[in-house]
Amino acid sequence: MWKQTLPGLRMVLVLTVLTGLVYPAVVTGLCQLLFPAQANGSLIARDGTIVGSSLIGQSFTRPEYFHPRPSGAGNDGYDGTLSGGSNLGPTSRKLVDRVKATVDDLARKNPGHLKPWPADLATMSASGLDPHISPEAAQVQTGRVAAARALPPAHVASLVARFTEGRDLGFLGEPRVNVLLLNLALDRESKR
């Protein structure tokens, strides 16, 4: 019996060391060497304090900030430990009521907007923690943000254009605006 069991146990031990220790250590070391910012969470600091990650959405509700997509992650939204979609289908009354309430809130906060609302301002992302909005969603909020900060709307619109990221590799995905980076740029502009 030991003649057959011992080689199996040795293989388990060798594979455990290789796949459980050596491989993760090599990958971690390479990532730290080649992509240190991304490997450490793409954290963003302001005045020496970590204010967020460019990869994870967070809540902005004050009128002088661009607002992100709605979030269903956790009870109050934007809880990274509870990310995920709501799993409500298109025929769900609860989903229809939530989207209608979100659109009504958008209309109240952005009274000058008359066109249809960009879908990403009324619907949640699959993770509930999307850090980006579409350029159209940012343009909708430009008037409110400019008024709240006493800045010319054209200046705020130019910031949106400056922080609009193109498609990855020129053809993958959609253009997008990172809400945290845009709001931090607005804070820097306001300090001038």
Protein backbone atom coordinates (compact mmCIF):
# COMPACT_ATOMS: atom_id res chain seq x y z
CA MET A 1 0.00 0.00 0.00
CA TRP A 2 2.81 2.47 0.91
CA LYS A 3 4.46 1.74 -2.43
CA GLN A 4 1.50 3.39 -4.18
CA THR A 5 0.66 6.04 -1.53
CA LEU A 6 4.12 7.57 -1.01
CA PRO A 7 4.59 8.73 -4.66
CA GLY A 8 1.13 10.29 -4.53
CA LEU A 9 1.92 12.13 -1.29
CA ARG A 10 5.25 13.34 -2.71
CA MET A 11 3.42 14.68 -5.80
CA VAL A 12 0.88 16.47 -3.60
CA LEU A 13 3.72 18.05 -1.60
CA VAL A 14 5.68 19.09 -4.71
CA LEU A 15 2.62 20.51 -6.47
CA THR A 16 1.53 22.33 -3.30
CA VAL A 17 4.92 24.02 -3.05
CA LEU A 18 5.01 24.85 -6.78
CA THR A 19 1.43 26.05 -7.24
CA GLY A 20 0.82 27.35 -3.72
CA LEU A 21 4.12 29.09 -3.01
CA VAL A 22 6.54 29.37 -5.93
CA TYR A 23 4.10 30.37 -8.68
CA PRO A 24 2.24 33.02 -6.60
CA ALA A 25 5.57 34.46 -5.39
CA VAL A 26 6.92 34.74 -8.96
CA VAL A 27 3.72 36.33 -10.29
CA THR A 28 3.52 38.76 -7.35
CA GLY A 29 7.18 39.71 -7.76
CA LEU A 30 6.80 40.29 -11.52
CA CYS A 31 3.67 42.38 -11.02
CA GLN A 32 5.36 44.49 -8.33
CA LEU A 33 8.34 44.98 -10.63
CA LEU A 34 6.50 45.66 -13.91
CA PHE A 35 3.17 47.18 -12.78
CA PRO A 36 3.57 48.44 -9.19
CA ALA A 37 0.65 50.90 -9.20
CA GLN A 38 -1.82 48.39 -10.63
CA ALA A 39 -0.52 45.57 -8.42
CA ASN A 40 -1.22 47.71 -5.36
CA GLY A 41 -4.78 48.64 -6.30
CA SER A 42 -4.28 51.76 -8.45
CA LEU A 43 -4.63 53.88 -5.32
CA ILE A 44 -4.85 57.65 -5.65
CA ALA A 45 -3.44 59.96 -3.00
CA ARG A 46 -4.17 63.63 -2.41
CA ASP A 47 -1.95 65.55 -0.01
CA GLY A 48 -0.42 62.27 1.17
CA THR A 49 -3.77 60.66 2.00
CA ILE A 50 -5.30 57.80 0.02
CA VAL A 51 -8.65 59.06 -1.34
CA GLY A 52 -9.65 56.09 -3.46
CA SER A 53 -8.78 53.79 -6.31
CA SER A 54 -9.14 54.57 -9.99
CA LEU A 55 -10.58 51.06 -10.39
CA ILE A 56 -13.44 51.22 -7.87
CA GLY A 57 -16.39 53.61 -7.94
CA GLN A 58 -17.29 55.60 -4.87
CA SER A 59 -20.17 57.80 -3.85
CA PHE A 60 -20.23 61.51 -4.64
CA THR A 61 -23.50 63.22 -3.77
CA ARG A 62 -22.69 66.91 -3.30
CA PRO A 63 -23.73 69.18 -6.20
CA GLU A 64 -20.17 70.40 -6.87
CA TYR A 65 -19.08 66.87 -7.81
CA PHE A 66 -19.83 64.68 -10.78
CA HIS A 67 -21.98 61.78 -9.64
CA PRO A 68 -21.14 58.18 -10.57
CA ARG A 69 -23.45 55.43 -11.75
CA PRO A 70 -25.96 54.22 -9.18
CA SER A 71 -24.63 51.35 -7.07
CA GLY A 72 -26.37 48.36 -5.56
CA ALA A 73 -23.27 47.16 -3.73
CA GLY A 74 -24.33 46.89 -0.09
CA ASN A 75 -27.13 48.67 1.72
CA ASP A 76 -25.85 52.17 0.98
CA GLY A 77 -24.06 51.37 -2.28
CA TYR A 78 -20.35 51.42 -3.12
CA ASP A 79 -19.45 48.71 -0.59
CA GLY A 80 -16.49 46.88 -2.13
CA THR A 81 -17.09 43.79 -0.01
CA LEU A 82 -20.61 43.36 -1.38
CA SER A 83 -20.19 44.16 -5.05
CA GLY A 84 -22.57 42.66 -7.54
CA GLY A 85 -25.61 43.40 -9.63
CA SER A 86 -29.17 43.29 -8.39
CA ASN A 87 -30.23 40.43 -10.70
CA LEU A 88 -33.53 42.21 -11.37
CA GLY A 89 -34.89 41.45 -14.84
CA PRO A 90 -36.37 43.93 -17.32
CA THR A 91 -39.93 42.96 -16.31
CA SER A 92 -39.26 43.49 -12.60
CA ARG A 93 -41.52 46.15 -11.07
CA LYS A 94 -38.86 46.83 -8.43
CA LEU A 95 -36.30 47.62 -11.17
CA VAL A 96 -38.72 49.87 -13.05
CA ASP A 97 -39.58 51.77 -9.84
CA ARG A 98 -35.90 52.15 -8.92
CA VAL A 99 -34.95 53.47 -12.37
CA LYS A 100 -37.90 55.89 -12.34
CA ALA A 101 -36.87 57.17 -8.88
CA THR A 102 -33.28 57.60 -10.11
CA VAL A 103 -34.41 59.53 -13.20
CA ASP A 104 -36.68 61.75 -11.07
CA ASP A 105 -33.73 62.46 -8.76
CA LEU A 106 -31.53 63.27 -11.77
CA ALA A 107 -34.15 65.69 -13.11
CA ARG A 108 -34.38 67.39 -9.70
CA LYS A 109 -30.58 67.76 -9.39
CA ASN A 110 -29.99 68.75 -13.05
CA PRO A 111 -33.03 70.92 -13.94
CA GLY A 112 -31.55 72.29 -17.18
CA HIS A 113 -31.34 68.90 -18.89
CA LEU A 114 -34.26 68.17 -21.24
CA LYS A 115 -32.98 65.36 -23.49
CA PRO A 116 -33.22 61.67 -22.58
CA TRP A 117 -30.89 60.65 -19.77
CA PRO A 118 -27.83 58.54 -20.54
CA ALA A 119 -28.56 54.95 -19.48
CA ASP A 120 -25.50 54.75 -17.24
CA LEU A 121 -26.87 57.49 -14.97
CA ALA A 122 -30.08 55.55 -14.37
CA THR A 123 -28.84 51.96 -14.28
CA MET A 124 -26.32 50.09 -12.16
CA SER A 125 -23.24 48.38 -13.51
CA ALA A 126 -22.87 44.63 -13.12
CA SER A 127 -20.45 45.05 -10.21
CA GLY A 128 -22.14 48.09 -8.69
CA LEU A 129 -18.68 49.66 -8.39
CA ASP A 130 -18.00 51.01 -11.88
CA PRO A 131 -15.58 53.97 -11.57
CA HIS A 132 -16.53 55.38 -14.98
CA ILE A 133 -19.43 57.16 -16.60
CA SER A 134 -19.94 57.90 -20.26
CA PRO A 135 -18.88 61.29 -21.64
CA GLU A 136 -22.58 61.98 -22.25
CA ALA A 137 -23.36 61.31 -18.57
CA ALA A 138 -20.61 63.74 -17.58
CA GLN A 139 -21.85 66.42 -20.00
CA VAL A 140 -25.36 66.17 -18.49
CA GLN A 141 -23.90 67.10 -15.09
CA THR A 142 -21.63 69.90 -16.34
CA GLY A 143 -24.15 72.69 -15.71
CA ARG A 144 -24.86 71.66 -12.13
CA VAL A 145 -21.17 71.25 -11.27
CA ALA A 146 -20.22 74.56 -12.92
CA ALA A 147 -22.95 76.44 -11.06
CA ALA A 148 -22.06 74.85 -7.71
CA ARG A 149 -18.37 75.73 -8.14
CA ALA A 150 -18.96 79.15 -9.76
CA LEU A 151 -16.92 78.08 -12.78
CA PRO A 152 -17.74 78.77 -16.44
CA PRO A 153 -19.61 75.77 -17.93
CA ALA A 154 -17.21 75.75 -20.89
CA HIS A 155 -14.28 75.31 -18.49
CA VAL A 156 -15.94 72.36 -16.75
CA ALA A 157 -16.82 70.87 -20.15
CA SER A 158 -13.17 71.17 -21.20
CA LEU A 159 -12.15 69.26 -18.05
CA VAL A 160 -14.61 66.52 -18.98
CA ALA A 161 -13.08 66.36 -22.46
CA ARG A 162 -9.57 66.25 -20.98
CA PHE A 163 -10.47 63.34 -18.68
CA THR A 164 -12.35 61.36 -21.32
CA GLU A 165 -10.51 58.11 -21.95
CA GLY A 166 -10.75 56.58 -25.41
CA ARG A 167 -11.39 53.00 -26.40
CA ASP A 168 -8.74 50.51 -25.26
CA LEU A 169 -6.37 49.73 -28.15
CA GLY A 170 -8.51 52.08 -30.26
CA PHE A 171 -11.41 49.64 -30.70
CA LEU A 172 -12.26 47.86 -27.43
CA GLY A 173 -14.96 49.22 -25.12
CA GLU A 174 -16.48 52.66 -25.10
CA PRO A 175 -15.12 56.12 -24.30
CA ARG A 176 -15.42 56.81 -20.57
CA VAL A 177 -14.68 59.32 -17.83
CA ASN A 178 -13.23 58.28 -14.47
CA VAL A 179 -15.40 60.09 -11.92
CA LEU A 180 -12.82 60.15 -9.11
CA LEU A 181 -10.04 61.56 -11.31
CA LEU A 182 -12.38 64.21 -12.74
CA ASN A 183 -13.60 65.28 -9.30
CA LEU A 184 -10.03 65.50 -7.98
CA ALA A 185 -9.13 67.71 -10.96
CA LEU A 186 -12.10 69.93 -10.13
CA ASP A 187 -10.88 70.23 -6.54
CA ARG A 188 -7.42 71.27 -7.81
CA GLU A 189 -9.01 73.84 -10.15
CA SER A 190 -11.07 75.30 -7.30
CA LYS A 191 -7.95 75.82 -5.15
CA ARG A 192 -6.38 78.11 -7.75
